[in-house]
Amino acid sequence: MQAEADEAVKSATAERDEALGEIERLEAQNEKLKTELANKSEIEEKAKQLDMQVHKLQISLDASVKAADELKAEIKHLRQVNEEKTLELGKMAATLEQNEQLKKKIDELTSK
């Protein structure tokens, strides 16, 4: 009977030790999972921040593209105006030249 009791105690002690070992293993695994979860949360937060930055940069890029398109249109318009003014200036220069020639002829005729 004592032998059976000793055997039962040994068996219970072995089961307890095994259970304690399993608890330690599960606690270690739990800590590891908590660390991984914290890391995942940090990564998700960084990803959200990066998404916000990308969104802000996209808005800025869109505004820059719009501004560039407007400037291109303005440059095109100003070039067209410049060409028109250059033609007008050429006509005025030709008219001035004609006026000077006429003035010379008038001076020639009046001096005779």
N, C-alpha and C. Protein backbone atom coordinates (compact mmCIF):
# COMPACT_ATOMS: atom_id res chain seq x y z
N MET A 1 0.79 -1.16 0.00
CA MET A 1 0.00 0.00 0.00
C MET A 1 0.85 1.26 0.00
N GLN A 2 1.86 1.29 0.80
CA GLN A 2 2.81 2.41 0.82
C GLN A 2 3.45 2.55 -0.55
N ALA A 3 3.76 1.43 -1.17
CA ALA A 3 4.40 1.45 -2.47
C ALA A 3 3.44 2.07 -3.50
N GLU A 4 2.19 1.72 -3.39
CA GLU A 4 1.20 2.28 -4.32
C GLU A 4 1.07 3.79 -4.10
N ALA A 5 1.08 4.19 -2.83
CA ALA A 5 0.96 5.60 -2.51
C ALA A 5 2.19 6.35 -3.02
N ASP A 6 3.37 5.76 -2.81
CA ASP A 6 4.60 6.39 -3.31
C ASP A 6 4.57 6.51 -4.84
N GLU A 7 4.07 5.45 -5.47
CA GLU A 7 3.98 5.46 -6.94
C GLU A 7 2.98 6.53 -7.39
N ALA A 8 1.88 6.69 -6.69
CA ALA A 8 0.88 7.68 -7.02
C ALA A 8 1.45 9.09 -6.85
N VAL A 9 2.23 9.28 -5.76
CA VAL A 9 2.86 10.57 -5.52
C VAL A 9 3.86 10.87 -6.63
N LYS A 10 4.66 9.85 -6.99
CA LYS A 10 5.65 10.03 -8.07
C LYS A 10 4.94 10.39 -9.37
N SER A 11 3.87 9.67 -9.66
CA SER A 11 3.12 9.92 -10.89
C SER A 11 2.52 11.32 -10.88
N ALA A 12 1.93 11.72 -9.74
CA ALA A 12 1.33 13.05 -9.62
C ALA A 12 2.40 14.12 -9.72
N THR A 13 3.57 13.88 -9.10
CA THR A 13 4.68 14.83 -9.17
C THR A 13 5.17 14.98 -10.62
N ALA A 14 5.26 13.85 -11.31
CA ALA A 14 5.69 13.89 -12.71
C ALA A 14 4.69 14.65 -13.56
N GLU A 15 3.39 14.41 -13.33
CA GLU A 15 2.35 15.12 -14.06
C GLU A 15 2.40 16.62 -13.75
N ARG A 16 2.60 16.94 -12.46
CA ARG A 16 2.71 18.34 -12.04
C ARG A 16 3.90 19.01 -12.72
N ASP A 17 5.06 18.33 -12.72
CA ASP A 17 6.26 18.88 -13.35
C ASP A 17 6.05 19.08 -14.85
N GLU A 18 5.37 18.10 -15.43
CA GLU A 18 5.08 18.20 -16.87
C GLU A 18 4.14 19.38 -17.12
N ALA A 19 3.13 19.52 -16.26
CA ALA A 19 2.18 20.63 -16.39
C ALA A 19 2.89 21.96 -16.18
N LEU A 20 3.78 22.04 -15.18
CA LEU A 20 4.54 23.27 -14.94
C LEU A 20 5.43 23.60 -16.13
N GLY A 21 6.04 22.57 -16.71
CA GLY A 21 6.87 22.77 -17.91
C GLY A 21 6.03 23.29 -19.07
N GLU A 22 4.82 22.73 -19.22
CA GLU A 22 3.92 23.19 -20.28
C GLU A 22 3.48 24.63 -20.02
N ILE A 23 3.22 24.97 -18.75
CA ILE A 23 2.84 26.34 -18.40
C ILE A 23 3.98 27.30 -18.73
N GLU A 24 5.21 26.93 -18.40
CA GLU A 24 6.37 27.78 -18.72
C GLU A 24 6.51 27.96 -20.23
N ARG A 25 6.32 26.87 -20.96
CA ARG A 25 6.43 26.94 -22.42
C ARG A 25 5.33 27.86 -22.97
N LEU A 26 4.10 27.70 -22.46
CA LEU A 26 2.98 28.53 -22.92
C LEU A 26 3.17 29.99 -22.53
N GLU A 27 3.71 30.26 -21.35
CA GLU A 27 3.97 31.64 -20.93
C GLU A 27 5.03 32.28 -21.82
N ALA A 28 6.08 31.50 -22.14
CA ALA A 28 7.12 32.01 -23.04
C ALA A 28 6.54 32.28 -24.43
N GLN A 29 5.70 31.36 -24.89
CA GLN A 29 5.06 31.55 -26.19
C GLN A 29 4.14 32.77 -26.15
N ASN A 30 3.42 32.94 -25.05
CA ASN A 30 2.53 34.08 -24.88
C ASN A 30 3.32 35.39 -24.92
N GLU A 31 4.46 35.45 -24.24
CA GLU A 31 5.31 36.66 -24.28
C GLU A 31 5.81 36.93 -25.69
N LYS A 32 6.19 35.85 -26.37
CA LYS A 32 6.67 36.01 -27.75
C LYS A 32 5.55 36.56 -28.63
N LEU A 33 4.34 36.03 -28.45
CA LEU A 33 3.20 36.50 -29.24
C LEU A 33 2.84 37.95 -28.90
N LYS A 34 2.95 38.32 -27.62
CA LYS A 34 2.70 39.70 -27.23
C LYS A 34 3.70 40.64 -27.91
N THR A 35 4.97 40.23 -27.93
CA THR A 35 6.00 41.03 -28.58
C THR A 35 5.71 41.16 -30.08
N GLU A 36 5.36 40.04 -30.70
CA GLU A 36 5.04 40.07 -32.13
C GLU A 36 3.82 40.96 -32.40
N LEU A 37 2.82 40.89 -31.50
CA LEU A 37 1.63 41.72 -31.66
C LEU A 37 1.98 43.19 -31.52
N ALA A 38 2.83 43.50 -30.54
CA ALA A 38 3.26 44.90 -30.36
C ALA A 38 4.00 45.38 -31.60
N ASN A 39 4.89 44.51 -32.13
CA ASN A 39 5.63 44.87 -33.35
C ASN A 39 4.68 45.07 -34.52
N LYS A 40 3.69 44.17 -34.60
CA LYS A 40 2.72 44.29 -35.69
C LYS A 40 1.94 45.59 -35.56
N SER A 41 1.57 45.95 -34.34
CA SER A 41 0.83 47.20 -34.12
C SER A 41 1.68 48.40 -34.52
N GLU A 42 2.96 48.36 -34.17
CA GLU A 42 3.87 49.45 -34.56
C GLU A 42 3.96 49.54 -36.07
N ILE A 43 4.10 48.39 -36.70
CA ILE A 43 4.22 48.36 -38.16
C ILE A 43 2.94 48.88 -38.80
N GLU A 44 1.79 48.46 -38.25
CA GLU A 44 0.52 48.96 -38.81
C GLU A 44 0.40 50.46 -38.63
N GLU A 45 0.83 50.98 -37.49
CA GLU A 45 0.78 52.43 -37.25
C GLU A 45 1.70 53.16 -38.22
N LYS A 46 2.90 52.61 -38.42
CA LYS A 46 3.83 53.22 -39.39
C LYS A 46 3.25 53.17 -40.80
N ALA A 47 2.58 52.06 -41.12
CA ALA A 47 1.96 51.93 -42.44
C ALA A 47 0.87 52.98 -42.62
N LYS A 48 0.07 53.22 -41.56
CA LYS A 48 -0.96 54.25 -41.64
C LYS A 48 -0.34 55.62 -41.85
N GLN A 49 0.75 55.89 -41.11
CA GLN A 49 1.43 57.18 -41.26
C GLN A 49 1.97 57.34 -42.67
N LEU A 50 2.56 56.26 -43.19
CA LEU A 50 3.08 56.32 -44.56
C LEU A 50 1.96 56.52 -45.57
N ASP A 51 0.84 55.86 -45.35
CA ASP A 51 -0.31 56.06 -46.23
C ASP A 51 -0.76 57.51 -46.22
N MET A 52 -0.77 58.11 -45.02
CA MET A 52 -1.16 59.52 -44.92
C MET A 52 -0.15 60.40 -45.66
N GLN A 53 1.14 60.09 -45.51
CA GLN A 53 2.16 60.88 -46.20
C GLN A 53 2.01 60.73 -47.71
N VAL A 54 1.76 59.50 -48.17
CA VAL A 54 1.57 59.27 -49.60
C VAL A 54 0.37 60.06 -50.10
N HIS A 55 -0.71 60.06 -49.32
CA HIS A 55 -1.91 60.80 -49.70
C HIS A 55 -1.61 62.30 -49.81
N LYS A 56 -0.91 62.84 -48.80
CA LYS A 56 -0.56 64.26 -48.83
C LYS A 56 0.34 64.57 -50.02
N LEU A 57 1.31 63.69 -50.27
CA LEU A 57 2.20 63.90 -51.41
C LEU A 57 1.45 63.82 -52.73
N GLN A 58 0.46 62.92 -52.81
CA GLN A 58 -0.33 62.81 -54.03
C GLN A 58 -1.12 64.09 -54.27
N ILE A 59 -1.69 64.64 -53.19
CA ILE A 59 -2.43 65.90 -53.31
C ILE A 59 -1.48 67.01 -53.77
N SER A 60 -0.30 67.05 -53.18
CA SER A 60 0.70 68.06 -53.55
C SER A 60 1.13 67.88 -55.00
N LEU A 61 1.34 66.63 -55.39
CA LEU A 61 1.73 66.36 -56.77
C LEU A 61 0.63 66.78 -57.74
N ASP A 62 -0.61 66.46 -57.40
CA ASP A 62 -1.72 66.85 -58.27
C ASP A 62 -1.78 68.37 -58.42
N ALA A 63 -1.60 69.07 -57.30
CA ALA A 63 -1.62 70.53 -57.35
C ALA A 63 -0.45 71.05 -58.20
N SER A 64 0.71 70.44 -58.06
CA SER A 64 1.89 70.86 -58.84
C SER A 64 1.68 70.61 -60.33
N VAL A 65 1.09 69.47 -60.64
CA VAL A 65 0.82 69.15 -62.05
C VAL A 65 -0.17 70.15 -62.63
N LYS A 66 -1.22 70.48 -61.85
CA LYS A 66 -2.20 71.46 -62.30
C LYS A 66 -1.54 72.81 -62.53
N ALA A 67 -0.70 73.22 -61.56
CA ALA A 67 -0.02 74.51 -61.69
C ALA A 67 0.91 74.51 -62.91
N ALA A 68 1.61 73.40 -63.12
CA ALA A 68 2.50 73.30 -64.28
C ALA A 68 1.70 73.39 -65.58
N ASP A 69 0.56 72.72 -65.62
CA ASP A 69 -0.28 72.79 -66.82
C ASP A 69 -0.77 74.22 -67.08
N GLU A 70 -1.16 74.90 -65.99
CA GLU A 70 -1.60 76.29 -66.14
C GLU A 70 -0.46 77.18 -66.63
N LEU A 71 0.74 76.94 -66.09
CA LEU A 71 1.90 77.73 -66.54
C LEU A 71 2.23 77.44 -68.00
N LYS A 72 2.12 76.19 -68.40
CA LYS A 72 2.36 75.85 -69.81
C LYS A 72 1.37 76.57 -70.72
N ALA A 73 0.10 76.58 -70.29
CA ALA A 73 -0.92 77.27 -71.09
C ALA A 73 -0.62 78.77 -71.16
N GLU A 74 -0.20 79.34 -70.03
CA GLU A 74 0.12 80.77 -70.01
C GLU A 74 1.33 81.07 -70.89
N ILE A 75 2.34 80.20 -70.81
CA ILE A 75 3.54 80.38 -71.66
C ILE A 75 3.14 80.31 -73.13
N LYS A 76 2.28 79.36 -73.47
CA LYS A 76 1.83 79.23 -74.86
C LYS A 76 1.11 80.50 -75.30
N HIS A 77 0.24 81.01 -74.43
CA HIS A 77 -0.49 82.24 -74.75
C HIS A 77 0.48 83.41 -74.91
N LEU A 78 1.44 83.53 -73.98
CA LEU A 78 2.40 84.64 -74.05
C LEU A 78 3.28 84.54 -75.30
N ARG A 79 3.62 83.35 -75.69
CA ARG A 79 4.40 83.19 -76.93
C ARG A 79 3.58 83.65 -78.13
N GLN A 80 2.31 83.30 -78.11
CA GLN A 80 1.43 83.73 -79.22
C GLN A 80 1.31 85.25 -79.24
N VAL A 81 1.12 85.85 -78.07
CA VAL A 81 1.05 87.31 -77.99
C VAL A 81 2.37 87.92 -78.45
N ASN A 82 3.47 87.32 -78.06
CA ASN A 82 4.80 87.81 -78.46
C ASN A 82 4.95 87.75 -79.98
N GLU A 83 4.52 86.66 -80.58
CA GLU A 83 4.60 86.56 -82.04
C GLU A 83 3.76 87.65 -82.71
N GLU A 84 2.54 87.86 -82.17
CA GLU A 84 1.67 88.90 -82.74
C GLU A 84 2.32 90.27 -82.61
N LYS A 85 2.88 90.54 -81.43
CA LYS A 85 3.53 91.85 -81.21
C LYS A 85 4.77 92.00 -82.09
N THR A 86 5.48 90.89 -82.28
CA THR A 86 6.66 90.95 -83.14
C THR A 86 6.25 91.28 -84.58
N LEU A 87 5.16 90.66 -85.06
CA LEU A 87 4.66 90.97 -86.40
C LEU A 87 4.21 92.43 -86.49
N GLU A 88 3.51 92.86 -85.44
CA GLU A 88 3.04 94.24 -85.40
C GLU A 88 4.22 95.21 -85.40
N LEU A 89 5.24 94.88 -84.63
CA LEU A 89 6.44 95.71 -84.56
C LEU A 89 7.14 95.75 -85.92
N GLY A 90 7.16 94.60 -86.60
CA GLY A 90 7.76 94.56 -87.94
C GLY A 90 7.01 95.46 -88.91
N LYS A 91 5.68 95.43 -88.83
CA LYS A 91 4.86 96.29 -89.69
C LYS A 91 5.11 97.76 -89.37
N MET A 92 5.21 98.06 -88.07
CA MET A 92 5.46 99.45 -87.66
C MET A 92 6.84 99.91 -88.14
N ALA A 93 7.80 98.99 -88.06
CA ALA A 93 9.15 99.35 -88.52
C ALA A 93 9.14 99.62 -90.02
N ALA A 94 8.38 98.79 -90.76
CA ALA A 94 8.28 99.01 -92.21
C ALA A 94 7.58 100.34 -92.49
N THR A 95 6.52 100.66 -91.74
CA THR A 95 5.82 101.92 -91.92
C THR A 95 6.74 103.09 -91.59
N LEU A 96 7.50 102.95 -90.51
CA LEU A 96 8.45 104.00 -90.14
C LEU A 96 9.48 104.20 -91.24
N GLU A 97 9.95 103.12 -91.80
CA GLU A 97 10.93 103.22 -92.89
C GLU A 97 10.31 103.94 -94.08
N GLN A 98 9.06 103.59 -94.38
CA GLN A 98 8.37 104.27 -95.49
C GLN A 98 8.20 105.76 -95.18
N ASN A 99 7.85 106.07 -93.94
CA ASN A 99 7.69 107.47 -93.54
C ASN A 99 9.01 108.23 -93.68
N GLU A 100 10.08 107.60 -93.29
CA GLU A 100 11.40 108.25 -93.40
C GLU A 100 11.75 108.49 -94.87
N GLN A 101 11.44 107.51 -95.70
CA GLN A 101 11.72 107.68 -97.13
C GLN A 101 10.87 108.80 -97.72
N LEU A 102 9.59 108.83 -97.29
CA LEU A 102 8.72 109.90 -97.76
C LEU A 102 9.21 111.26 -97.28
N LYS A 103 9.67 111.30 -96.01
CA LYS A 103 10.19 112.57 -95.48
C LYS A 103 11.41 113.02 -96.29
N LYS A 104 12.29 112.06 -96.64
CA LYS A 104 13.46 112.43 -97.44
C LYS A 104 13.02 112.99 -98.79
N LYS A 105 12.03 112.35 -99.39
CA LYS A 105 11.56 112.84 -100.70
C LYS A 105 10.94 114.22 -100.56
N ILE A 106 10.19 114.41 -99.48
CA ILE A 106 9.58 115.73 -99.25
C ILE A 106 10.67 116.77 -99.05
N ASP A 107 11.69 116.39 -98.24
CA ASP A 107 12.80 117.31 -98.01
C ASP A 107 13.51 117.64 -99.32
N GLU A 108 13.69 116.62 -100.16
CA GLU A 108 14.35 116.82 -101.46
C GLU A 108 13.52 117.77 -102.34
N LEU A 109 12.21 117.50 -102.35
CA LEU A 109 11.35 118.31 -103.20
C LEU A 109 11.21 119.75 -102.71
N THR A 110 11.19 119.89 -101.40
CA THR A 110 11.04 121.24 -100.85
C THR A 110 12.36 122.02 -100.89
N SER A 111 13.44 121.33 -100.94
CA SER A 111 14.72 122.04 -100.97
C SER A 111 15.06 122.50 -102.37
N LYS A 112 14.36 122.06 -103.38
CA LYS A 112 14.67 122.45 -104.75
C LYS A 112 14.07 123.73 -105.12
